[in-house]
Amino acid sequence: MSFSSSASPHRCSGPLSRRSFLSMGTLGLTGWSLSDTLRAETIAKAAGKRLKDKSVIFVWLPGGMSQLESYDMKPNAPVEYRGVLNPIRTKVPGTHICELFPKQAKIADKFNIIRSVHHEFSDHGGGHKRFMTGRNPALPVGFVNDAPSVQSIITRKLQRAGQAMPTCVAGVDRGRSGIDVFSMGAAYLGPSASPFMVVGDPSAKDFKVENIGLTPDMATRMDDRMHLLKGMDNLKREMDRSGLMDAMDSFSQKAFGMLTTPSVRDAFDLTQESAQTRERYGYSTYGQRGLMARRLVEAGCRFVTMVWENPFSTTIPKNCTYNWDSHAVNCDMYADARWRMPVYDQAASALIEDIHQRGLDKDVLVIITGEFGRTPKINTQIGTQTGVSQPGRDHWPNAMSFIVSGGGMQTGQVIGATNPRAEFPIERPLSPNDLWATVYQHLGIDPEDSFDDFQGRPMPILPFGDPIKELLPLA
């Protein structure tokens, strides 16, 4: 598995934090950049009208989903490459996906499959940093960013004065809320650009949104980051007791006031959804986080990251693993797939279908991806938990597959192709930067804009990359 803080020499250490962080960015201590506005909105105001805000739901699959067991199956390859799962037809003629995705097969006309993104970083840390920042990291291992994550850049560019809803939100499991666990750090943009963390399993009966509160030493350490802690209703009383309110400037007080707005609380409250809707997404961590993401973008959040690792906050079957890191030492990848994939299929299909049915597909871009793919050739090893020989695949950044939907784009497409063994792209090779260029265009952010780094040097938001033309909105 990939959730232990001390890696065994026989196991992949997985996407883990280098150090422990508190969950929330300090608000107002360094100030928000309030002068940045969307270019599209500027044009709209000049024309005397207001454009609707665009947003993104970014589902992160840490560990890396296997392309050969999902969206790029190779039924004609040798068995040691193709594996034991079979492709099935989808609603789109000529497009096939894994047999464990029957619900997605029925709505394949509502999303696109990308099969040709690749990069050069095969470690989880390097892969996370490469994907989350759009830059080649200085170190190929470790999860601490040396450049701001996309989430931080979007927070800096799109945060507005008077806005009640946080610009960027991230949903994670307990114990995974350190900002470095998934390389979402802000680097030289400062901790106040970090996303708001929502911690825990929203499918659990006792789930409560842990809201803004104070760390115990906040009164004396003004540069500490804020936790999403219990008791939004107790926030002001806690702050008054600590004396922090007197110590913070008026802008920070206003920020905290916004975060106690009922509409913000309501956006996180899944009990306001019907039982039918919640069942449609599935009472799993994946499903309820997907539903929460839809509620958040409807409420005005601009970029929602939902991390899908353990499908349930319960005991993991002995032959399965915590996230998508399907090494043979971690799991029997086919037992894991049969346990995990149906949950993923229900949650992903419900999210995509719901976005379309609610008329959000023009304004909300949905991306579901991990940091890389898996080795085309299967290997077998003795499982750490099972003690028996079992199949698995290792890290493979040379080819990966994922899906995108919404954003006003034409759907039902397959973009790019790999060779007959899913080893590398042979058509339409793309990088994570091309995906981010597409995201920035969707949000109205100029990727050539820059921020100063720690040395005062201007750093472009995105050093290279072009919008993926197949994903651009239809005229």
Protein backbone atom coordinates (compact mmCIF):
# COMPACT_ATOMS: atom_id res chain seq x y z
CA MET A 1 0.00 0.00 0.00
CA SER A 2 1.03 3.61 -0.33
CA PHE A 3 -0.15 5.18 2.89
CA SER A 4 2.50 4.21 5.38
CA SER A 5 4.79 6.95 6.56
CA SER A 6 7.74 4.58 6.68
CA ALA A 7 8.31 2.90 3.36
CA SER A 8 9.37 -0.73 3.32
CA PRO A 9 12.16 -1.55 0.86
CA HIS A 10 9.74 -3.96 -0.74
CA ARG A 11 6.96 -1.46 -1.24
CA CYS A 12 6.32 1.78 -3.02
CA SER A 13 6.21 4.62 -0.50
CA GLY A 14 3.33 6.24 -2.36
CA PRO A 15 2.22 9.86 -2.44
CA LEU A 16 3.15 10.86 1.10
CA SER A 17 3.92 14.16 2.80
CA ARG A 18 7.52 15.04 3.65
CA ARG A 19 6.41 16.94 6.69
CA SER A 20 3.23 17.61 8.62
CA PHE A 21 1.29 20.73 7.77
CA LEU A 22 -1.86 22.29 9.08
CA SER A 23 -4.73 22.28 6.67
CA MET A 24 -5.52 25.88 5.89
CA GLY A 25 -3.72 28.85 4.40
CA THR A 26 -3.28 31.92 6.56
CA LEU A 27 -5.96 34.37 5.53
CA GLY A 28 -5.16 37.98 5.06
CA LEU A 29 -1.75 37.97 6.71
CA THR A 30 -0.12 38.54 3.37
CA GLY A 31 -3.28 39.76 1.65
CA TRP A 32 -5.09 38.52 -1.42
CA SER A 33 -4.38 39.75 -4.89
CA LEU A 34 -7.62 41.59 -5.56
CA SER A 35 -6.69 43.51 -8.68
CA ASP A 36 -6.66 40.40 -10.90
CA THR A 37 -9.89 39.89 -12.83
CA LEU A 38 -10.83 37.70 -15.74
CA ARG A 39 -10.13 39.23 -19.09
CA ALA A 40 -13.44 37.86 -20.31
CA GLU A 41 -15.25 39.72 -17.56
CA THR A 42 -13.48 42.95 -18.46
CA ILE A 43 -14.70 42.59 -22.01
CA ALA A 44 -18.18 41.73 -20.80
CA LYS A 45 -18.35 44.77 -18.53
CA ALA A 46 -17.20 46.97 -21.38
CA ALA A 47 -20.10 45.56 -23.39
CA GLY A 48 -22.48 46.21 -20.52
CA LYS A 49 -23.06 42.60 -19.49
CA ARG A 50 -21.76 40.04 -17.00
CA LEU A 51 -20.42 36.69 -18.12
CA LYS A 52 -21.10 33.62 -16.03
CA ASP A 53 -18.10 32.37 -14.08
CA LYS A 54 -16.40 29.24 -15.36
CA SER A 55 -15.19 26.54 -13.00
CA VAL A 56 -13.31 23.24 -12.91
CA ILE A 57 -13.84 19.97 -11.06
CA PHE A 58 -10.50 18.19 -10.89
CA VAL A 59 -10.68 14.59 -9.64
CA TRP A 60 -7.25 13.32 -8.62
CA LEU A 61 -6.46 9.58 -8.60
CA PRO A 62 -3.19 9.27 -6.65
CA GLY A 63 -0.99 6.36 -7.55
CA GLY A 64 -1.96 6.40 -11.21
CA MET A 65 -4.74 4.46 -12.93
CA SER A 66 -3.63 1.76 -15.37
CA GLN A 67 -4.37 2.79 -18.95
CA LEU A 68 -4.65 -0.89 -19.93
CA GLU A 69 -7.36 -1.57 -17.35
CA SER A 70 -9.38 1.55 -18.11
CA TYR A 71 -9.48 3.64 -21.29
CA ASP A 72 -6.71 2.26 -23.54
CA MET A 73 -7.19 -1.49 -23.55
CA LYS A 74 -5.17 -3.60 -25.95
CA PRO A 75 -7.11 -6.85 -26.50
CA ASN A 76 -4.78 -7.96 -29.30
CA ALA A 77 -1.59 -7.59 -27.28
CA PRO A 78 0.10 -10.59 -25.63
CA VAL A 79 -1.63 -11.62 -22.40
CA GLU A 80 1.23 -10.32 -20.26
CA TYR A 81 0.38 -6.86 -21.61
CA ARG A 82 -3.38 -6.92 -22.14
CA GLY A 83 -4.23 -8.58 -18.83
CA VAL A 84 -7.44 -10.47 -18.03
CA LEU A 85 -10.08 -7.77 -18.27
CA ASN A 86 -12.01 -7.24 -21.50
CA PRO A 87 -13.14 -4.14 -23.39
CA ILE A 88 -16.83 -3.38 -23.86
CA ARG A 89 -18.62 -1.26 -26.45
CA THR A 90 -19.76 2.21 -25.49
CA LYS A 91 -22.51 4.49 -26.73
CA VAL A 92 -19.95 5.96 -29.13
CA PRO A 93 -19.46 3.59 -32.09
CA GLY A 94 -15.92 2.25 -32.29
CA THR A 95 -14.97 3.35 -28.77
CA HIS A 96 -14.35 0.66 -26.16
CA ILE A 97 -13.49 0.91 -22.46
CA CYS A 98 -13.00 -1.54 -19.59
CA GLU A 99 -15.76 -4.01 -18.79
CA LEU A 100 -15.77 -2.67 -15.22
CA PHE A 101 -17.08 0.67 -16.55
CA PRO A 102 -20.59 -0.22 -17.78
CA LYS A 103 -22.13 3.02 -16.50
CA GLN A 104 -19.53 5.16 -18.26
CA ALA A 105 -20.03 3.10 -21.42
CA LYS A 106 -23.66 4.26 -21.48
CA ILE A 107 -22.71 7.96 -21.36
CA ALA A 108 -19.50 7.89 -23.41
CA ASP A 109 -20.99 10.54 -25.67
CA LYS A 110 -20.72 12.98 -22.74
CA PHE A 111 -16.96 12.80 -22.16
CA ASN A 112 -13.68 12.59 -24.06
CA ILE A 113 -10.89 10.08 -23.59
CA ILE A 114 -7.30 11.34 -23.82
CA ARG A 115 -4.76 8.57 -24.41
CA SER A 116 -1.56 10.39 -25.26
CA VAL A 117 -0.46 12.54 -22.31
CA HIS A 118 3.03 11.69 -21.11
CA HIS A 119 5.95 13.08 -19.10
CA GLU A 120 9.29 11.90 -17.68
CA PHE A 121 8.78 11.56 -13.91
CA SER A 122 8.13 8.03 -12.66
CA ASP A 123 8.28 8.68 -8.91
CA HIS A 124 5.03 9.63 -7.20
CA GLY A 125 6.61 12.81 -5.88
CA GLY A 126 8.09 13.84 -9.20
CA GLY A 127 4.89 12.87 -11.01
CA HIS A 128 2.72 14.87 -8.61
CA LYS A 129 4.94 17.94 -8.86
CA ARG A 130 5.22 17.67 -12.63
CA PHE A 131 1.46 17.39 -13.06
CA MET A 132 0.31 19.82 -10.37
CA THR A 133 2.69 22.66 -11.29
CA GLY A 134 3.15 22.37 -15.05
CA ARG A 135 6.91 22.46 -14.52
CA ASN A 136 9.75 19.97 -14.40
CA PRO A 137 10.56 19.78 -10.68
CA ALA A 138 14.05 20.47 -9.42
CA LEU A 139 14.04 17.07 -7.68
CA PRO A 140 12.46 13.94 -9.19
CA VAL A 141 11.32 12.76 -5.74
CA GLY A 142 9.56 14.37 -2.80
CA PHE A 143 6.26 16.23 -2.73
CA VAL A 144 7.28 19.76 -1.73
CA ASN A 145 6.74 22.09 -4.68
CA ASP A 146 9.43 24.43 -5.91
CA ALA A 147 6.78 26.15 -8.04
CA PRO A 148 3.15 26.97 -7.22
CA SER A 149 0.47 24.39 -7.83
CA VAL A 150 -2.31 25.13 -10.27
CA GLN A 151 -4.67 25.45 -7.32
CA SER A 152 -2.53 28.25 -5.85
CA ILE A 153 -2.22 30.08 -9.13
CA ILE A 154 -5.97 29.98 -9.67
CA THR A 155 -6.58 31.21 -6.12
CA ARG A 156 -4.27 34.15 -6.67
CA LYS A 157 -5.79 35.03 -10.05
CA LEU A 158 -9.49 34.56 -9.34
CA GLN A 159 -10.00 35.40 -5.66
CA ARG A 160 -12.21 38.49 -5.38
CA ALA A 161 -13.09 40.93 -2.64
CA GLY A 162 -16.46 40.22 -1.07
CA GLN A 163 -16.54 36.64 -2.32
CA ALA A 164 -18.06 34.28 0.23
CA MET A 165 -17.08 30.99 -1.37
CA PRO A 166 -13.41 29.94 -1.30
CA THR A 167 -11.90 30.05 -4.78
CA CYS A 168 -10.25 26.62 -4.50
CA VAL A 169 -11.33 23.69 -2.33
CA ALA A 170 -9.73 20.25 -1.94
CA GLY A 171 -11.40 17.16 -0.47
CA VAL A 172 -9.05 14.60 1.08
CA ASP A 173 -8.99 11.64 3.45
CA ARG A 174 -8.10 12.00 7.10
CA GLY A 175 -4.37 12.03 7.56
CA ARG A 176 -3.89 13.34 4.00
CA SER A 177 -4.56 17.03 4.53
CA GLY A 178 -0.94 18.20 4.58
CA ILE A 179 -0.52 20.59 1.69
CA ASP A 180 2.48 18.61 0.42
CA VAL A 181 0.80 15.19 0.32
CA PHE A 182 -0.40 15.82 -3.24
CA SER A 183 2.01 18.65 -4.15
CA MET A 184 -0.61 21.36 -3.87
CA GLY A 185 1.79 23.76 -2.15
CA ALA A 186 1.88 27.44 -3.06
CA ALA A 187 5.70 27.85 -3.12
CA TYR A 188 6.52 31.54 -3.67
CA LEU A 189 2.84 32.57 -3.78
CA GLY A 190 2.61 32.06 -0.03
CA PRO A 191 0.40 29.81 2.12
CA SER A 192 -2.65 32.06 1.80
CA ALA A 193 -2.91 30.81 -1.81
CA SER A 194 -3.42 27.22 -0.65
CA PRO A 195 -6.79 25.55 -1.27
CA PHE A 196 -9.31 25.13 1.53
CA MET A 197 -9.17 21.54 2.74
CA VAL A 198 -12.28 19.47 3.48
CA VAL A 199 -11.10 16.45 5.43
CA GLY A 200 -12.86 13.12 5.92
CA ASP A 201 -15.27 10.73 4.24
CA PRO A 202 -18.50 12.54 3.31
CA SER A 203 -20.29 9.20 2.93
CA ALA A 204 -19.83 8.43 6.63
CA LYS A 205 -22.93 8.83 8.78
CA ASP A 206 -21.09 10.99 11.29
CA PHE A 207 -19.37 13.18 8.68
CA LYS A 208 -19.27 16.86 9.52
CA VAL A 209 -17.50 19.54 7.58
CA GLU A 210 -14.57 20.67 9.65
CA ASN A 211 -14.67 24.40 9.34
CA ILE A 212 -12.37 27.30 9.99
CA GLY A 213 -10.97 27.44 13.50
CA LEU A 214 -7.76 28.24 15.30
CA THR A 215 -4.67 26.20 15.86
CA PRO A 216 -3.75 26.14 19.57
CA ASP A 217 -0.76 28.44 19.18
CA MET A 218 -2.33 30.82 16.68
CA ALA A 219 -2.38 33.70 19.16
CA THR A 220 1.41 33.73 19.27
CA ARG A 221 2.31 32.41 15.83
CA MET A 222 0.63 34.69 13.34
CA ASP A 223 2.27 32.98 10.38
CA ASP A 224 0.80 29.57 11.18
CA ARG A 225 -1.71 28.15 8.76
CA MET A 226 -5.37 27.68 9.65
CA HIS A 227 -7.04 24.32 10.19
CA LEU A 228 -10.48 23.34 8.99
CA LEU A 229 -11.61 22.41 12.50
CA LYS A 230 -14.95 21.62 14.07
CA GLY A 231 -17.33 24.36 15.00
CA MET A 232 -17.89 27.04 12.41
CA ASP A 233 -20.67 28.25 14.72
CA ASN A 234 -18.07 28.58 17.50
CA LEU A 235 -15.51 30.34 15.34
CA LYS A 236 -16.10 33.92 16.42
CA ARG A 237 -16.24 33.00 20.10
CA GLU A 238 -12.98 31.05 19.81
CA MET A 239 -11.32 33.92 18.00
CA ASP A 240 -12.48 36.47 20.57
CA ARG A 241 -11.22 34.28 23.40
CA SER A 242 -7.81 33.94 21.76
CA GLY A 243 -7.50 37.66 21.13
CA LEU A 244 -6.70 36.99 17.50
CA MET A 245 -9.44 39.25 16.18
CA ASP A 246 -7.76 42.27 17.75
CA ALA A 247 -4.45 41.27 16.22
CA MET A 248 -5.62 40.84 12.66
CA ASP A 249 -6.30 43.61 10.23
CA SER A 250 -9.74 44.54 8.96
CA PHE A 251 -9.24 42.66 5.72
CA SER A 252 -8.63 39.40 7.57
CA GLN A 253 -11.67 39.98 9.75
CA LYS A 254 -13.74 40.49 6.65
CA ALA A 255 -12.37 37.26 5.21
CA PHE A 256 -13.37 35.33 8.32
CA GLY A 257 -16.78 36.97 8.21
CA MET A 258 -17.27 35.74 4.68
CA LEU A 259 -16.32 32.23 5.70
CA THR A 260 -19.10 32.15 8.29
CA THR A 261 -21.73 32.95 5.66
CA PRO A 262 -24.63 30.44 5.71
CA SER A 263 -24.46 29.93 1.94
CA VAL A 264 -20.92 28.63 2.30
CA ARG A 265 -21.96 26.17 4.99
CA ASP A 266 -24.91 25.07 2.88
CA ALA A 267 -22.73 24.32 -0.14
CA PHE A 268 -20.86 21.67 1.85
CA ASP A 269 -24.02 20.17 3.36
CA LEU A 270 -24.84 17.00 1.44
CA THR A 271 -27.93 16.37 3.55
CA GLN A 272 -29.63 19.03 1.44
CA GLU A 273 -29.50 16.63 -1.49
CA SER A 274 -32.22 14.02 -1.96
CA ALA A 275 -31.54 10.43 -0.97
CA GLN A 276 -32.06 9.51 -4.62
CA THR A 277 -29.31 11.85 -5.76
CA ARG A 278 -26.90 10.66 -3.10
CA GLU A 279 -27.59 7.05 -4.01
CA ARG A 280 -27.04 7.86 -7.65
CA TYR A 281 -23.49 8.99 -6.89
CA GLY A 282 -23.04 6.11 -4.45
CA TYR A 283 -22.49 6.15 -0.70
CA SER A 284 -18.74 5.98 -1.11
CA THR A 285 -15.94 8.45 -0.59
CA TYR A 286 -15.71 8.84 -4.37
CA GLY A 287 -19.41 9.35 -4.90
CA GLN A 288 -20.10 11.81 -2.10
CA ARG A 289 -16.98 13.84 -2.88
CA GLY A 290 -18.14 14.02 -6.49
CA LEU A 291 -21.55 15.27 -5.35
CA MET A 292 -19.92 17.81 -3.06
CA ALA A 293 -17.81 19.06 -5.97
CA ARG A 294 -20.94 19.68 -8.03
CA ARG A 295 -22.53 21.58 -5.14
CA LEU A 296 -19.41 23.69 -4.66
CA VAL A 297 -19.13 24.83 -8.26
CA GLU A 298 -22.83 25.66 -8.26
CA ALA A 299 -22.20 27.80 -5.20
CA GLY A 300 -19.36 29.70 -6.87
CA CYS A 301 -16.17 27.76 -6.17
CA ARG A 302 -13.89 28.09 -9.19
CA PHE A 303 -11.60 25.06 -8.83
CA VAL A 304 -12.53 21.97 -6.81
CA THR A 305 -9.97 19.21 -6.34
CA MET A 306 -11.46 15.95 -5.07
CA VAL A 307 -8.97 13.23 -4.20
CA TRP A 308 -10.27 9.70 -4.76
CA GLU A 309 -8.03 7.22 -2.92
CA ASN A 310 -9.73 4.68 -0.65
CA PRO A 311 -13.28 4.13 -1.97
CA PHE A 312 -14.55 3.66 1.60
CA SER A 313 -13.27 4.73 5.00
CA THR A 314 -13.39 1.11 6.10
CA THR A 315 -11.00 -1.83 6.24
CA ILE A 316 -9.34 -2.46 2.89
CA PRO A 317 -9.55 -6.04 1.59
CA LYS A 318 -6.29 -7.91 2.13
CA ASN A 319 -5.58 -8.30 -1.59
CA CYS A 320 -6.40 -4.64 -2.39
CA THR A 321 -4.65 -1.37 -1.63
CA TYR A 322 -5.30 2.17 -0.44
CA ASN A 323 -5.19 4.08 -3.70
CA TRP A 324 -4.41 3.49 -7.39
CA ASP A 325 -0.81 2.35 -6.83
CA SER A 326 -1.25 -1.16 -8.21
CA HIS A 327 2.19 -2.69 -7.66
CA ALA A 328 2.10 -6.46 -7.23
CA VAL A 329 3.57 -6.07 -3.73
CA ASN A 330 0.66 -3.77 -2.85
CA CYS A 331 -2.24 -5.76 -4.24
CA ASP A 332 -3.56 -8.26 -6.71
CA MET A 333 -4.38 -5.58 -9.24
CA TYR A 334 -7.38 -7.47 -10.61
CA ALA A 335 -8.89 -8.07 -7.18
CA ASP A 336 -8.27 -4.40 -6.49
CA ALA A 337 -9.82 -3.37 -9.80
CA ARG A 338 -12.97 -5.43 -9.18
CA TRP A 339 -13.31 -3.82 -5.75
CA ARG A 340 -12.43 -0.23 -6.74
CA MET A 341 -13.54 0.21 -10.35
CA PRO A 342 -17.32 -0.23 -9.90
CA VAL A 343 -17.26 2.47 -7.21
CA TYR A 344 -15.26 4.73 -9.50
CA ASP A 345 -17.56 3.94 -12.43
CA GLN A 346 -20.68 4.92 -10.50
CA ALA A 347 -19.19 8.13 -9.11
CA ALA A 348 -17.58 9.30 -12.36
CA SER A 349 -20.63 8.58 -14.50
CA ALA A 350 -23.00 10.22 -12.00
CA LEU A 351 -20.86 13.36 -11.84
CA ILE A 352 -20.59 13.71 -15.61
CA GLU A 353 -24.25 12.97 -16.22
CA ASP A 354 -25.36 15.30 -13.43
CA ILE A 355 -23.26 18.16 -14.81
CA HIS A 356 -24.96 17.77 -18.17
CA GLN A 357 -28.49 17.29 -16.84
CA ARG A 358 -28.24 20.40 -14.68
CA GLY A 359 -27.07 22.52 -17.61
CA LEU A 360 -23.60 23.06 -16.15
CA ASP A 361 -21.68 21.43 -18.99
CA LYS A 362 -20.97 24.74 -20.76
CA ASP A 363 -19.40 26.36 -17.70
CA VAL A 364 -17.94 23.48 -15.67
CA LEU A 365 -14.92 21.55 -16.94
CA VAL A 366 -14.49 18.07 -15.40
CA ILE A 367 -11.11 16.32 -15.41
CA ILE A 368 -10.44 12.88 -13.90
CA THR A 369 -6.79 11.81 -13.88
CA GLY A 370 -3.82 10.56 -11.87
CA GLU A 371 -0.15 11.45 -12.10
CA PHE A 372 0.84 8.75 -14.61
CA GLY A 373 -0.09 5.37 -16.06
CA ARG A 374 1.18 1.87 -15.28
CA THR A 375 3.79 -0.35 -16.90
CA PRO A 376 2.48 -2.02 -20.05
CA LYS A 377 3.92 -5.39 -19.05
CA ILE A 378 2.45 -7.11 -16.01
CA ASN A 379 4.79 -8.41 -13.34
CA THR A 380 4.15 -10.79 -10.45
CA GLN A 381 5.51 -10.58 -6.92
CA ILE A 382 4.73 -11.82 -3.46
CA GLY A 383 2.17 -9.51 -1.91
CA THR A 384 3.13 -7.84 1.36
CA GLN A 385 -0.32 -8.39 2.83
CA THR A 386 -1.30 -11.66 1.16
CA GLY A 387 2.02 -13.53 1.14
CA VAL A 388 1.19 -15.03 -2.26
CA SER A 389 2.29 -14.29 -5.81
CA GLN A 390 0.00 -11.79 -7.49
CA PRO A 391 -0.09 -9.58 -10.61
CA GLY A 392 0.57 -5.85 -10.69
CA ARG A 393 1.90 -2.96 -12.74
CA ASP A 394 4.52 -0.39 -11.78
CA HIS A 395 4.80 3.36 -12.51
CA TRP A 396 4.76 4.47 -16.15
CA PRO A 397 4.77 8.18 -17.08
CA ASN A 398 5.39 7.49 -20.78
CA ALA A 399 1.68 6.98 -21.50
CA MET A 400 -1.48 7.58 -19.52
CA SER A 401 -5.21 7.80 -20.13
CA PHE A 402 -7.88 9.96 -18.52
CA ILE A 403 -11.25 11.54 -19.24
CA VAL A 404 -12.56 15.10 -19.53
CA SER A 405 -16.07 16.47 -19.89
CA GLY A 406 -18.04 19.72 -19.88
CA GLY A 407 -16.42 23.05 -20.66
CA GLY A 408 -18.68 23.51 -23.69
CA MET A 409 -16.50 21.09 -25.64
CA GLN A 410 -17.50 18.53 -28.22
CA THR A 411 -17.63 15.15 -26.49
CA GLY A 412 -17.58 11.50 -27.52
CA GLN A 413 -14.02 11.86 -28.83
CA VAL A 414 -10.90 9.76 -28.36
CA ILE A 415 -7.87 12.06 -28.47
CA GLY A 416 -4.46 10.58 -29.18
CA ALA A 417 -3.32 6.98 -29.44
CA THR A 418 -0.55 4.75 -28.15
CA ASN A 419 1.34 1.91 -29.79
CA PRO A 420 -0.14 -1.64 -29.70
CA ARG A 421 1.17 -2.25 -26.18
CA ALA A 422 0.23 1.14 -24.67
CA GLU A 423 3.89 2.01 -24.14
CA PHE A 424 4.07 5.50 -25.69
CA PRO A 425 2.00 7.88 -27.83
CA ILE A 426 2.02 7.46 -31.58
CA GLU A 427 -0.70 10.05 -32.31
CA ARG A 428 -1.26 13.51 -30.84
CA PRO A 429 1.41 13.42 -28.08
CA LEU A 430 0.47 15.81 -25.27
CA SER A 431 1.87 16.91 -21.92
CA PRO A 432 0.20 17.94 -18.66
CA ASN A 433 0.92 21.53 -19.69
CA ASP A 434 -1.40 21.24 -22.67
CA LEU A 435 -4.15 20.23 -20.28
CA TRP A 436 -3.40 23.19 -18.00
CA ALA A 437 -3.30 25.57 -20.96
CA THR A 438 -6.81 24.35 -21.74
CA VAL A 439 -7.90 24.87 -18.13
CA TYR A 440 -6.49 28.41 -18.01
CA GLN A 441 -8.21 29.31 -21.25
CA HIS A 442 -11.48 27.94 -19.87
CA LEU A 443 -11.09 30.08 -16.73
CA GLY A 444 -10.00 33.19 -18.61
CA ILE A 445 -6.48 33.24 -17.16
CA ASP A 446 -3.60 34.34 -19.35
CA PRO A 447 -0.86 31.68 -18.95
CA GLU A 448 1.74 34.25 -19.96
CA ASP A 449 1.00 36.33 -16.87
CA SER A 450 3.68 35.97 -14.23
CA PHE A 451 4.36 36.07 -10.50
CA ASP A 452 7.65 36.94 -8.87
CA ASP A 453 9.51 34.04 -7.28
CA PHE A 454 11.49 34.21 -4.03
CA GLN A 455 14.33 36.01 -5.82
CA GLY A 456 12.01 38.54 -7.39
CA ARG A 457 12.25 37.00 -10.85
CA PRO A 458 9.03 37.00 -12.90
CA MET A 459 7.83 33.43 -13.48
CA PRO A 460 5.13 32.79 -16.08
CA ILE A 461 2.06 30.96 -14.88
CA LEU A 462 2.71 28.26 -17.46
CA PRO A 463 6.18 28.03 -19.06
CA PHE A 464 4.94 26.11 -22.11
CA GLY A 465 1.91 24.28 -23.46
CA ASP A 466 -0.97 24.94 -25.84
CA PRO A 467 -4.72 24.47 -25.34
CA ILE A 468 -5.89 21.11 -26.64
CA LYS A 469 -7.92 22.19 -29.64
CA GLU A 470 -10.28 19.21 -29.44
CA LEU A 471 -11.33 20.38 -25.97
CA LEU A 472 -12.06 23.98 -26.81
CA PRO A 473 -15.68 25.13 -26.69
CA LEU A 474 -17.79 24.70 -29.75
CA ALA A 475 -18.48 27.94 -31.61
